[in-house]
Protein backbone atom coordinates (compact mmCIF):
# COMPACT_ATOMS: atom_id res chain seq x y z
CA UNK A 1 0.00 0.00 0.00
CA UNK A 2 1.32 3.41 -0.98
CA UNK A 3 0.72 6.44 1.24
CA UNK A 4 1.13 10.21 0.98
CA UNK A 5 0.54 12.87 3.64
CA UNK A 6 -0.86 16.33 3.08
CA UNK A 7 -1.98 19.36 5.08
CA UNK A 8 -5.46 20.64 4.22
CA UNK A 9 -5.03 24.38 3.60
CA UNK A 10 -8.55 25.72 3.02
CA UNK A 11 -10.58 27.24 5.84
CA UNK A 12 -13.82 25.71 4.59
CA UNK A 13 -14.91 22.46 2.95
CA UNK A 14 -18.05 21.68 1.01
CA UNK A 15 -19.71 19.16 -1.33
CA UNK A 16 -18.21 20.86 -4.39
CA UNK A 17 -14.71 20.20 -3.01
CA UNK A 18 -15.68 16.57 -2.39
CA UNK A 19 -16.93 16.26 -5.97
CA UNK A 20 -13.67 17.65 -7.35
CA UNK A 21 -11.69 15.15 -5.26
CA UNK A 22 -13.81 12.25 -6.55
CA UNK A 23 -13.20 13.33 -10.16
CA UNK A 24 -9.46 13.43 -9.49
CA UNK A 25 -9.43 10.06 -7.71
CA UNK A 26 -11.38 8.42 -10.54
CA UNK A 27 -8.46 9.11 -12.89
CA UNK A 28 -6.62 6.26 -11.15
CA UNK A 29 -7.33 2.52 -11.17
CA UNK A 30 -6.21 1.94 -7.56
CA UNK A 31 -8.44 1.80 -4.50
CA UNK A 32 -7.86 5.11 -2.70
CA UNK A 33 -8.71 5.97 0.89
CA UNK A 34 -8.35 9.27 2.75
CA UNK A 35 -7.71 9.12 6.50
CA UNK A 36 -7.57 11.76 9.20
CA UNK A 37 -9.43 13.36 12.05
CA UNK A 38 -10.53 9.92 13.24
CA UNK A 39 -12.32 9.24 9.95
CA UNK A 40 -11.63 7.21 6.84
CA UNK A 41 -13.33 7.54 3.45
CA UNK A 42 -13.12 6.12 -0.04
CA UNK A 43 -11.73 8.89 -2.26
CA UNK A 44 -14.08 7.78 -5.07
CA UNK A 45 -17.21 8.21 -2.91
CA UNK A 46 -18.74 11.66 -2.68
CA UNK A 47 -20.79 10.64 0.36
CA UNK A 48 -17.69 9.40 2.16
CA UNK A 49 -15.71 12.52 1.33
CA UNK A 50 -18.48 14.88 2.41
CA UNK A 51 -18.47 13.13 5.79
CA UNK A 52 -14.69 13.71 6.16
CA UNK A 53 -15.21 17.41 6.94
CA UNK A 54 -11.60 18.42 6.30
CA UNK A 55 -10.25 21.05 8.71
CA UNK A 56 -7.71 23.67 7.65
CA UNK A 57 -4.23 23.07 9.02
CA UNK A 58 -4.85 19.38 9.83
CA UNK A 59 -2.73 16.54 8.43
CA UNK A 60 -4.33 13.74 6.44
CA UNK A 61 -3.11 10.60 4.68
CA UNK A 62 -4.05 9.24 1.27
CA UNK A 63 -3.53 5.48 0.99
CA UNK A 64 -3.77 3.73 -2.37
CA UNK A 65 -3.51 0.10 -3.36
CA UNK A 66 -3.30 -1.12 -6.94
CA UNK A 67 -1.26 -0.95 -10.11
CA UNK A 68 -0.91 2.83 -10.02
CA UNK A 69 -0.92 3.13 -6.22
CA UNK A 70 2.12 5.36 -5.84
CA UNK A 71 0.90 7.83 -8.47
CA UNK A 72 -2.64 7.71 -7.05
CA UNK A 73 -1.59 8.40 -3.46
CA UNK A 74 0.73 11.27 -4.32
CA UNK A 75 -1.56 12.70 -7.03
CA UNK A 76 -4.70 12.79 -4.90
CA UNK A 77 -2.81 14.10 -1.84
CA UNK A 78 -1.30 16.91 -3.92
CA UNK A 79 -4.68 17.72 -5.48
CA UNK A 80 -6.45 17.99 -2.10
CA UNK A 81 -3.60 20.02 -0.58
CA UNK A 82 -3.81 22.52 -3.45
CA UNK A 83 -7.61 22.94 -3.47
CA UNK A 84 -8.64 26.58 -3.52
PDB file of N, CA and C in Angstrom:
ATOM      1  N   UNK A   1       0.842  -1.181   0.000  1.00  0.00           N
ATOM      2  CA  UNK A   1       0.000   0.000   0.000  1.00  0.00           C
ATOM      3  C   UNK A   1       0.888   1.245   0.000  1.00  0.00           C
ATOM      4  N   UNK A   2       0.573   2.153  -0.879  1.00  0.00           N
ATOM      5  CA  UNK A   2       1.322   3.409  -0.979  1.00  0.00           C
ATOM      6  C   UNK A   2       0.580   4.500  -0.218  1.00  0.00           C
ATOM      7  N   UNK A   3       1.334   5.374   0.450  1.00  0.00           N
ATOM      8  CA  UNK A   3       0.721   6.444   1.239  1.00  0.00           C
ATOM      9  C   UNK A   3       1.395   7.779   0.965  1.00  0.00           C
ATOM     10  N   UNK A   4       0.612   8.846   1.112  1.00  0.00           N
ATOM     11  CA  UNK A   4       1.129  10.206   0.975  1.00  0.00           C
ATOM     12  C   UNK A   4       0.395  11.089   1.978  1.00  0.00           C
ATOM     13  N   UNK A   5       1.129  11.948   2.670  1.00  0.00           N
ATOM     14  CA  UNK A   5       0.542  12.872   3.641  1.00  0.00           C
ATOM     15  C   UNK A   5       0.326  14.232   2.994  1.00  0.00           C
ATOM     16  N   UNK A   6      -0.652  14.954   3.530  1.00  0.00           N
ATOM     17  CA  UNK A   6      -0.863  16.330   3.084  1.00  0.00           C
ATOM     18  C   UNK A   6      -1.500  17.123   4.213  1.00  0.00           C
ATOM     19  N   UNK A   7      -1.336  18.432   4.141  1.00  0.00           N
ATOM     20  CA  UNK A   7      -1.979  19.356   5.075  1.00  0.00           C
ATOM     21  C   UNK A   7      -3.115  20.036   4.305  1.00  0.00           C
ATOM     22  N   UNK A   8      -4.325  19.975   4.847  1.00  0.00           N
ATOM     23  CA  UNK A   8      -5.456  20.643   4.215  1.00  0.00           C
ATOM     24  C   UNK A   8      -5.323  22.134   4.488  1.00  0.00           C
ATOM     25  N   UNK A   9      -5.345  22.953   3.449  1.00  0.00           N
ATOM     26  CA  UNK A   9      -5.035  24.380   3.600  1.00  0.00           C
ATOM     27  C   UNK A   9      -6.245  25.303   3.603  1.00  0.00           C
ATOM     28  N   UNK A  10      -7.373  24.838   3.072  1.00  0.00           N
ATOM     29  CA  UNK A  10      -8.551  25.718   3.018  1.00  0.00           C
ATOM     30  C   UNK A  10      -9.164  25.902   4.399  1.00  0.00           C
ATOM     31  N   UNK A  11      -9.882  26.986   4.573  1.00  0.00           N
ATOM     32  CA  UNK A  11     -10.581  27.240   5.837  1.00  0.00           C
ATOM     33  C   UNK A  11     -11.971  26.633   5.846  1.00  0.00           C
ATOM     34  N   UNK A  12     -12.488  26.297   4.669  1.00  0.00           N
ATOM     35  CA  UNK A  12     -13.815  25.707   4.592  1.00  0.00           C
ATOM     36  C   UNK A  12     -13.770  24.469   3.694  1.00  0.00           C
ATOM     37  N   UNK A  13     -14.828  23.684   3.735  1.00  0.00           N
ATOM     38  CA  UNK A  13     -14.915  22.458   2.951  1.00  0.00           C
ATOM     39  C   UNK A  13     -16.381  22.222   2.642  1.00  0.00           C
ATOM     40  N   UNK A  14     -16.662  21.873   1.389  1.00  0.00           N
ATOM     41  CA  UNK A  14     -18.053  21.683   1.006  1.00  0.00           C
ATOM     42  C   UNK A  14     -18.203  20.528   0.005  1.00  0.00           C
ATOM     43  N   UNK A  15     -19.428  20.268  -0.417  1.00  0.00           N
ATOM     44  CA  UNK A  15     -19.709  19.157  -1.333  1.00  0.00           C
ATOM     45  C   UNK A  15     -19.041  19.364  -2.689  1.00  0.00           C
ATOM     46  N   UNK A  16     -18.887  20.604  -3.115  1.00  0.00           N
ATOM     47  CA  UNK A  16     -18.207  20.858  -4.385  1.00  0.00           C
ATOM     48  C   UNK A  16     -16.752  20.412  -4.318  1.00  0.00           C
ATOM     49  N   UNK A  17     -16.085  20.675  -3.196  1.00  0.00           N
ATOM     50  CA  UNK A  17     -14.709  20.198  -3.011  1.00  0.00           C
ATOM     51  C   UNK A  17     -14.666  18.677  -3.057  1.00  0.00           C
ATOM     52  N   UNK A  18     -15.621  18.033  -2.391  1.00  0.00           N
ATOM     53  CA  UNK A  18     -15.685  16.566  -2.389  1.00  0.00           C
ATOM     54  C   UNK A  18     -15.856  16.039  -3.809  1.00  0.00           C
ATOM     55  N   UNK A  19     -16.708  16.679  -4.584  1.00  0.00           N
ATOM     56  CA  UNK A  19     -16.932  16.264  -5.974  1.00  0.00           C
ATOM     57  C   UNK A  19     -15.653  16.379  -6.790  1.00  0.00           C
ATOM     58  N   UNK A  20     -14.928  17.456  -6.614  1.00  0.00           N
ATOM     59  CA  UNK A  20     -13.673  17.647  -7.347  1.00  0.00           C
ATOM     60  C   UNK A  20     -12.648  16.575  -6.977  1.00  0.00           C
ATOM     61  N   UNK A  21     -12.602  16.192  -5.703  1.00  0.00           N
ATOM     62  CA  UNK A  21     -11.686  15.147  -5.258  1.00  0.00           C
ATOM     63  C   UNK A  21     -12.059  13.811  -5.890  1.00  0.00           C
ATOM     64  N   UNK A  22     -13.351  13.497  -5.933  1.00  0.00           N
ATOM     65  CA  UNK A  22     -13.810  12.251  -6.553  1.00  0.00           C
ATOM     66  C   UNK A  22     -13.394  12.209  -8.021  1.00  0.00           C
ATOM     67  N   UNK A  23     -13.596  13.293  -8.750  1.00  0.00           N
ATOM     68  CA  UNK A  23     -13.199  13.331 -10.163  1.00  0.00           C
ATOM     69  C   UNK A  23     -11.705  13.072 -10.320  1.00  0.00           C
ATOM     70  N   UNK A  24     -10.910  13.646  -9.434  1.00  0.00           N
ATOM     71  CA  UNK A  24      -9.456  13.429  -9.492  1.00  0.00           C
ATOM     72  C   UNK A  24      -9.120  11.976  -9.170  1.00  0.00           C
ATOM     73  N   UNK A  25      -9.713  11.436  -8.127  1.00  0.00           N
ATOM     74  CA  UNK A  25      -9.428  10.063  -7.713  1.00  0.00           C
ATOM     75  C   UNK A  25      -9.831   9.048  -8.786  1.00  0.00           C
ATOM     76  N   UNK A  26     -10.895   9.342  -9.510  1.00  0.00           N
ATOM     77  CA  UNK A  26     -11.381   8.419 -10.541  1.00  0.00           C
ATOM     78  C   UNK A  26     -10.455   8.347 -11.755  1.00  0.00           C
ATOM     79  N   UNK A  27      -9.454   9.184 -11.814  1.00  0.00           N
ATOM     80  CA  UNK A  27      -8.462   9.114 -12.894  1.00  0.00           C
ATOM     81  C   UNK A  27      -7.514   7.931 -12.699  1.00  0.00           C
ATOM     82  N   UNK A  28      -7.531   7.352 -11.490  1.00  0.00           N
ATOM     83  CA  UNK A  28      -6.622   6.258 -11.150  1.00  0.00           C
ATOM     84  C   UNK A  28      -7.395   4.949 -11.007  1.00  0.00           C
ATOM     85  N   UNK A  29      -6.716   3.848 -11.274  1.00  0.00           N
ATOM     86  CA  UNK A  29      -7.327   2.522 -11.173  1.00  0.00           C
ATOM     87  C   UNK A  29      -7.304   1.980  -9.742  1.00  0.00           C
ATOM     88  N   UNK A  30      -6.397   2.438  -8.927  1.00  0.00           N
ATOM     89  CA  UNK A  30      -6.211   1.937  -7.561  1.00  0.00           C
ATOM     90  C   UNK A  30      -7.403   2.250  -6.661  1.00  0.00           C
ATOM     91  N   UNK A  31      -7.508   1.464  -5.573  1.00  0.00           N
ATOM     92  CA  UNK A  31      -8.435   1.798  -4.503  1.00  0.00           C
ATOM     93  C   UNK A  31      -7.745   2.879  -3.677  1.00  0.00           C
ATOM     94  N   UNK A  32      -8.462   3.952  -3.387  1.00  0.00           N
ATOM     95  CA  UNK A  32      -7.861   5.109  -2.705  1.00  0.00           C
ATOM     96  C   UNK A  32      -8.702   5.477  -1.488  1.00  0.00           C
ATOM     97  N   UNK A  33      -8.039   5.580  -0.346  1.00  0.00           N
ATOM     98  CA  UNK A  33      -8.707   5.965   0.893  1.00  0.00           C
ATOM     99  C   UNK A  33      -8.049   7.240   1.441  1.00  0.00           C
ATOM    100  N   UNK A  34      -8.855   8.069   2.082  1.00  0.00           N
ATOM    101  CA  UNK A  34      -8.347   9.270   2.749  1.00  0.00           C
ATOM    102  C   UNK A  34      -8.615   9.081   4.238  1.00  0.00           C
ATOM    103  N   UNK A  35      -7.600   9.316   5.059  1.00  0.00           N
ATOM    104  CA  UNK A  35      -7.708   9.117   6.503  1.00  0.00           C
ATOM    105  C   UNK A  35      -7.283  10.373   7.253  1.00  0.00           C
ATOM    106  N   UNK A  36      -7.958  10.647   8.348  1.00  0.00           N
ATOM    107  CA  UNK A  36      -7.574  11.762   9.198  1.00  0.00           C
ATOM    108  C   UNK A  36      -8.726  12.215  10.066  1.00  0.00           C
ATOM    109  N   UNK A  37      -8.397  12.863  11.149  1.00  0.00           N
ATOM    110  CA  UNK A  37      -9.434  13.357  12.051  1.00  0.00           C
ATOM    111  C   UNK A  37     -10.308  12.250  12.609  1.00  0.00           C
ATOM    112  N   UNK A  38      -9.755  11.043  12.720  1.00  0.00           N
ATOM    113  CA  UNK A  38     -10.526   9.925  13.236  1.00  0.00           C
ATOM    114  C   UNK A  38     -11.499   9.321  12.248  1.00  0.00           C
ATOM    115  N   UNK A  39     -11.406   9.748  10.978  1.00  0.00           N
ATOM    116  CA  UNK A  39     -12.316   9.238   9.950  1.00  0.00           C
ATOM    117  C   UNK A  39     -11.534   8.648   8.793  1.00  0.00           C
ATOM    118  N   UNK A  40     -12.226   7.823   8.028  1.00  0.00           N
ATOM    119  CA  UNK A  40     -11.633   7.212   6.839  1.00  0.00           C
ATOM    120  C   UNK A  40     -12.707   7.148   5.766  1.00  0.00           C
ATOM    121  N   UNK A  41     -12.345   7.537   4.526  1.00  0.00           N
ATOM    122  CA  UNK A  41     -13.328   7.540   3.446  1.00  0.00           C
ATOM    123  C   UNK A  41     -12.704   7.101   2.133  1.00  0.00           C
ATOM    124  N   UNK A  42     -13.511   6.486   1.316  1.00  0.00           N
ATOM    125  CA  UNK A  42     -13.116   6.118  -0.036  1.00  0.00           C
ATOM    126  C   UNK A  42     -13.037   7.410  -0.854  1.00  0.00           C
ATOM    127  N   UNK A  43     -11.913   7.648  -1.504  1.00  0.00           N
ATOM    128  CA  UNK A  43     -11.731   8.888  -2.265  1.00  0.00           C
ATOM    129  C   UNK A  43     -12.583   8.935  -3.533  1.00  0.00           C
ATOM    130  N   UNK A  44     -13.213   7.814  -3.887  1.00  0.00           N
ATOM    131  CA  UNK A  44     -14.076   7.782  -5.067  1.00  0.00           C
ATOM    132  C   UNK A  44     -15.552   7.826  -4.680  1.00  0.00           C
ATOM    133  N   UNK A  45     -15.839   8.137  -3.419  1.00  0.00           N
ATOM    134  CA  UNK A  45     -17.207   8.206  -2.908  1.00  0.00           C
ATOM    135  C   UNK A  45     -17.510   9.614  -2.409  1.00  0.00           C
ATOM    136  N   UNK A  46     -18.418  10.290  -3.086  1.00  0.00           N
ATOM    137  CA  UNK A  46     -18.738  11.664  -2.677  1.00  0.00           C
ATOM    138  C   UNK A  46     -19.353  11.685  -1.283  1.00  0.00           C
ATOM    139  N   UNK A  47     -20.177  10.693  -0.966  1.00  0.00           N
ATOM    140  CA  UNK A  47     -20.794  10.637   0.365  1.00  0.00           C
ATOM    141  C   UNK A  47     -19.712  10.493   1.444  1.00  0.00           C
ATOM    142  N   UNK A  48     -18.769   9.592   1.206  1.00  0.00           N
ATOM    143  CA  UNK A  48     -17.686   9.397   2.160  1.00  0.00           C
ATOM    144  C   UNK A  48     -16.849  10.646   2.348  1.00  0.00           C
ATOM    145  N   UNK A  49     -16.542  11.318   1.241  1.00  0.00           N
ATOM    146  CA  UNK A  49     -15.706  12.516   1.333  1.00  0.00           C
ATOM    147  C   UNK A  49     -16.433  13.683   1.986  1.00  0.00           C
ATOM    148  N   UNK A  50     -17.730  13.810   1.751  1.00  0.00           N
ATOM    149  CA  UNK A  50     -18.482  14.879   2.410  1.00  0.00           C
ATOM    150  C   UNK A  50     -18.433  14.669   3.924  1.00  0.00           C
ATOM    151  N   UNK A  51     -18.485  13.413   4.352  1.00  0.00           N
ATOM    152  CA  UNK A  51     -18.467  13.126   5.792  1.00  0.00           C
ATOM    153  C   UNK A  51     -17.096  13.373   6.424  1.00  0.00           C
ATOM    154  N   UNK A  52     -16.040  13.469   5.614  1.00  0.00           N
ATOM    155  CA  UNK A  52     -14.694  13.708   6.155  1.00  0.00           C
ATOM    156  C   UNK A  52     -14.590  15.057   6.864  1.00  0.00           C
ATOM    157  N   UNK A  53     -15.251  16.068   6.340  1.00  0.00           N
ATOM    158  CA  UNK A  53     -15.208  17.408   6.939  1.00  0.00           C
ATOM    159  C   UNK A  53     -13.779  17.861   7.219  1.00  0.00           C
ATOM    160  N   UNK A  54     -12.984  17.980   6.166  1.00  0.00           N
ATOM    161  CA  UNK A  54     -11.596  18.417   6.305  1.00  0.00           C
ATOM    162  C   UNK A  54     -11.509  19.731   7.076  1.00  0.00           C
ATOM    163  N   UNK A  55     -10.478  19.860   7.893  1.00  0.00           N
ATOM    164  CA  UNK A  55     -10.254  21.049   8.709  1.00  0.00           C
ATOM    165  C   UNK A  55      -8.924  21.665   8.299  1.00  0.00           C
ATOM    166  N   UNK A  56      -8.923  22.966   8.038  1.00  0.00           N
ATOM    167  CA  UNK A  56      -7.710  23.669   7.645  1.00  0.00           C
ATOM    168  C   UNK A  56      -6.594  23.513   8.663  1.00  0.00           C
ATOM    169  N   UNK A  57      -5.386  23.216   8.173  1.00  0.00           N
ATOM    170  CA  UNK A  57      -4.227  23.069   9.025  1.00  0.00           C
ATOM    171  C   UNK A  57      -4.013  21.666   9.557  1.00  0.00           C
ATOM    172  N   UNK A  58      -4.961  20.767   9.348  1.00  0.00           N
ATOM    173  CA  UNK A  58      -4.847  19.380   9.832  1.00  0.00           C
ATOM    174  C   UNK A  58      -4.119  18.513   8.809  1.00  0.00           C
ATOM    175  N   UNK A  59      -3.447  17.465   9.302  1.00  0.00           N
ATOM    176  CA  UNK A  59      -2.733  16.539   8.428  1.00  0.00           C
ATOM    177  C   UNK A  59      -3.605  15.322   8.138  1.00  0.00           C
ATOM    178  N   UNK A  60      -3.573  14.898   6.890  1.00  0.00           N
ATOM    179  CA  UNK A  60      -4.335  13.739   6.441  1.00  0.00           C
ATOM    180  C   UNK A  60      -3.413  12.818   5.647  1.00  0.00           C
ATOM    181  N   UNK A  61      -3.873  11.585   5.438  1.00  0.00           N
ATOM    182  CA  UNK A  61      -3.111  10.603   4.682  1.00  0.00           C
ATOM    183  C   UNK A  61      -3.978  10.047   3.565  1.00  0.00           C
ATOM    184  N   UNK A  62      -3.405   9.926   2.380  1.00  0.00           N
ATOM    185  CA  UNK A  62      -4.054   9.242   1.269  1.00  0.00           C
ATOM    186  C   UNK A  62      -3.332   7.913   1.114  1.00  0.00           C
ATOM    187  N   UNK A  63      -4.087   6.824   1.163  1.00  0.00           N
ATOM    188  CA  UNK A  63      -3.528   5.481   0.988  1.00  0.00           C
ATOM    189  C   UNK A  63      -4.131   4.871  -0.265  1.00  0.00           C
ATOM    190  N   UNK A  64      -3.290   4.313  -1.118  1.00  0.00           N
ATOM    191  CA  UNK A  64      -3.769   3.728  -2.374  1.00  0.00           C
ATOM    192  C   UNK A  64      -3.163   2.349  -2.564  1.00  0.00           C
ATOM    193  N   UNK A  65      -3.978   1.453  -3.100  1.00  0.00           N
ATOM    194  CA  UNK A  65      -3.508   0.098  -3.364  1.00  0.00           C
ATOM    195  C   UNK A  65      -3.968  -0.302  -4.760  1.00  0.00           C
ATOM    196  N   UNK A  66      -2.989  -0.700  -5.582  1.00  0.00           N
ATOM    197  CA  UNK A  66      -3.303  -1.116  -6.939  1.00  0.00           C
ATOM    198  C   UNK A  66      -2.131  -0.853  -7.859  1.00  0.00           C
ATOM    199  N   UNK A  67      -2.357  -1.049  -9.144  1.00  0.00           N
ATOM    200  CA  UNK A  67      -1.265  -0.955 -10.113  1.00  0.00           C
ATOM    201  C   UNK A  67      -0.662   0.433 -10.226  1.00  0.00           C
ATOM    202  N   UNK A  68      -1.436   1.457  -9.959  1.00  0.00           N
ATOM    203  CA  UNK A  68      -0.907   2.832 -10.019  1.00  0.00           C
ATOM    204  C   UNK A  68      -0.962   3.480  -8.639  1.00  0.00           C
ATOM    205  N   UNK A  69      -0.772   2.672  -7.596  1.00  0.00           N
ATOM    206  CA  UNK A  69      -0.921   3.130  -6.215  1.00  0.00           C
ATOM    207  C   UNK A  69      -0.049   4.313  -5.831  1.00  0.00           C
ATOM    208  N   UNK A  70       1.209   4.267  -6.209  1.00  0.00           N
ATOM    209  CA  UNK A  70       2.119   5.357  -5.842  1.00  0.00           C
ATOM    210  C   UNK A  70       1.671   6.670  -6.478  1.00  0.00           C
ATOM    211  N   UNK A  71       1.356   6.624  -7.764  1.00  0.00           N
ATOM    212  CA  UNK A  71       0.897   7.829  -8.469  1.00  0.00           C
ATOM    213  C   UNK A  71      -0.441   8.303  -7.912  1.00  0.00           C
ATOM    214  N   UNK A  72      -1.319   7.359  -7.579  1.00  0.00           N
ATOM    215  CA  UNK A  72      -2.635   7.710  -7.047  1.00  0.00           C
ATOM    216  C   UNK A  72      -2.522   8.402  -5.694  1.00  0.00           C
ATOM    217  N   UNK A  73      -1.739   7.821  -4.792  1.00  0.00           N
ATOM    218  CA  UNK A  73      -1.592   8.403  -3.456  1.00  0.00           C
ATOM    219  C   UNK A  73      -1.002   9.801  -3.522  1.00  0.00           C
ATOM    220  N   UNK A  74       0.087   9.951  -4.259  1.00  0.00           N
ATOM    221  CA  UNK A  74       0.728  11.266  -4.320  1.00  0.00           C
ATOM    222  C   UNK A  74      -0.111  12.255  -5.123  1.00  0.00           C
ATOM    223  N   UNK A  75      -0.748  11.799  -6.194  1.00  0.00           N
ATOM    224  CA  UNK A  75      -1.555  12.696  -7.028  1.00  0.00           C
ATOM    225  C   UNK A  75      -2.777  13.229  -6.309  1.00  0.00           C
ATOM    226  N   UNK A  76      -3.497  12.357  -5.617  1.00  0.00           N
ATOM    227  CA  UNK A  76      -4.700  12.788  -4.896  1.00  0.00           C
ATOM    228  C   UNK A  76      -4.318  13.653  -3.692  1.00  0.00           C
ATOM    229  N   UNK A  77      -3.259  13.283  -2.983  1.00  0.00           N
ATOM    230  CA  UNK A  77      -2.810  14.104  -1.844  1.00  0.00           C
ATOM    231  C   UNK A  77      -2.438  15.510  -2.299  1.00  0.00           C
ATOM    232  N   UNK A  78      -1.709  15.600  -3.384  1.00  0.00           N
ATOM    233  CA  UNK A  78      -1.305  16.908  -3.917  1.00  0.00           C
ATOM    234  C   UNK A  78      -2.526  17.702  -4.351  1.00  0.00           C
ATOM    235  N   UNK A  79      -3.486  17.038  -5.008  1.00  0.00           N
ATOM    236  CA  UNK A  79      -4.681  17.717  -5.479  1.00  0.00           C
ATOM    237  C   UNK A  79      -5.470  18.311  -4.311  1.00  0.00           C
ATOM    238  N   UNK A  80      -5.672  17.511  -3.259  1.00  0.00           N
ATOM    239  CA  UNK A  80      -6.445  17.992  -2.099  1.00  0.00           C
ATOM    240  C   UNK A  80      -5.694  19.126  -1.392  1.00  0.00           C
ATOM    241  N   UNK A  81      -4.382  18.987  -1.252  1.00  0.00           N
ATOM    242  CA  UNK A  81      -3.596  20.017  -0.577  1.00  0.00           C
ATOM    243  C   UNK A  81      -3.642  21.350  -1.319  1.00  0.00           C
ATOM    244  N   UNK A  82      -3.815  21.293  -2.643  1.00  0.00           N
ATOM    245  CA  UNK A  82      -3.809  22.519  -3.446  1.00  0.00           C
ATOM    246  C   UNK A  82      -5.194  23.033  -3.790  1.00  0.00           C
ATOM    247  N   UNK A  83      -6.251  22.435  -3.228  1.00  0.00           N
ATOM    248  CA  UNK A  83      -7.611  22.945  -3.474  1.00  0.00           C
ATOM    249  C   UNK A  83      -7.697  24.413  -3.084  1.00  0.00           C
ATOM    250  N   UNK A  84      -8.415  25.174  -3.866  1.00  0.00           N
ATOM    251  CA  UNK A  84      -8.636  26.583  -3.517  1.00  0.00           C
ATOM    252  C   UNK A  84     -10.017  27.011  -3.898  1.00  0.00           C
TER     253      UNK A  84
END
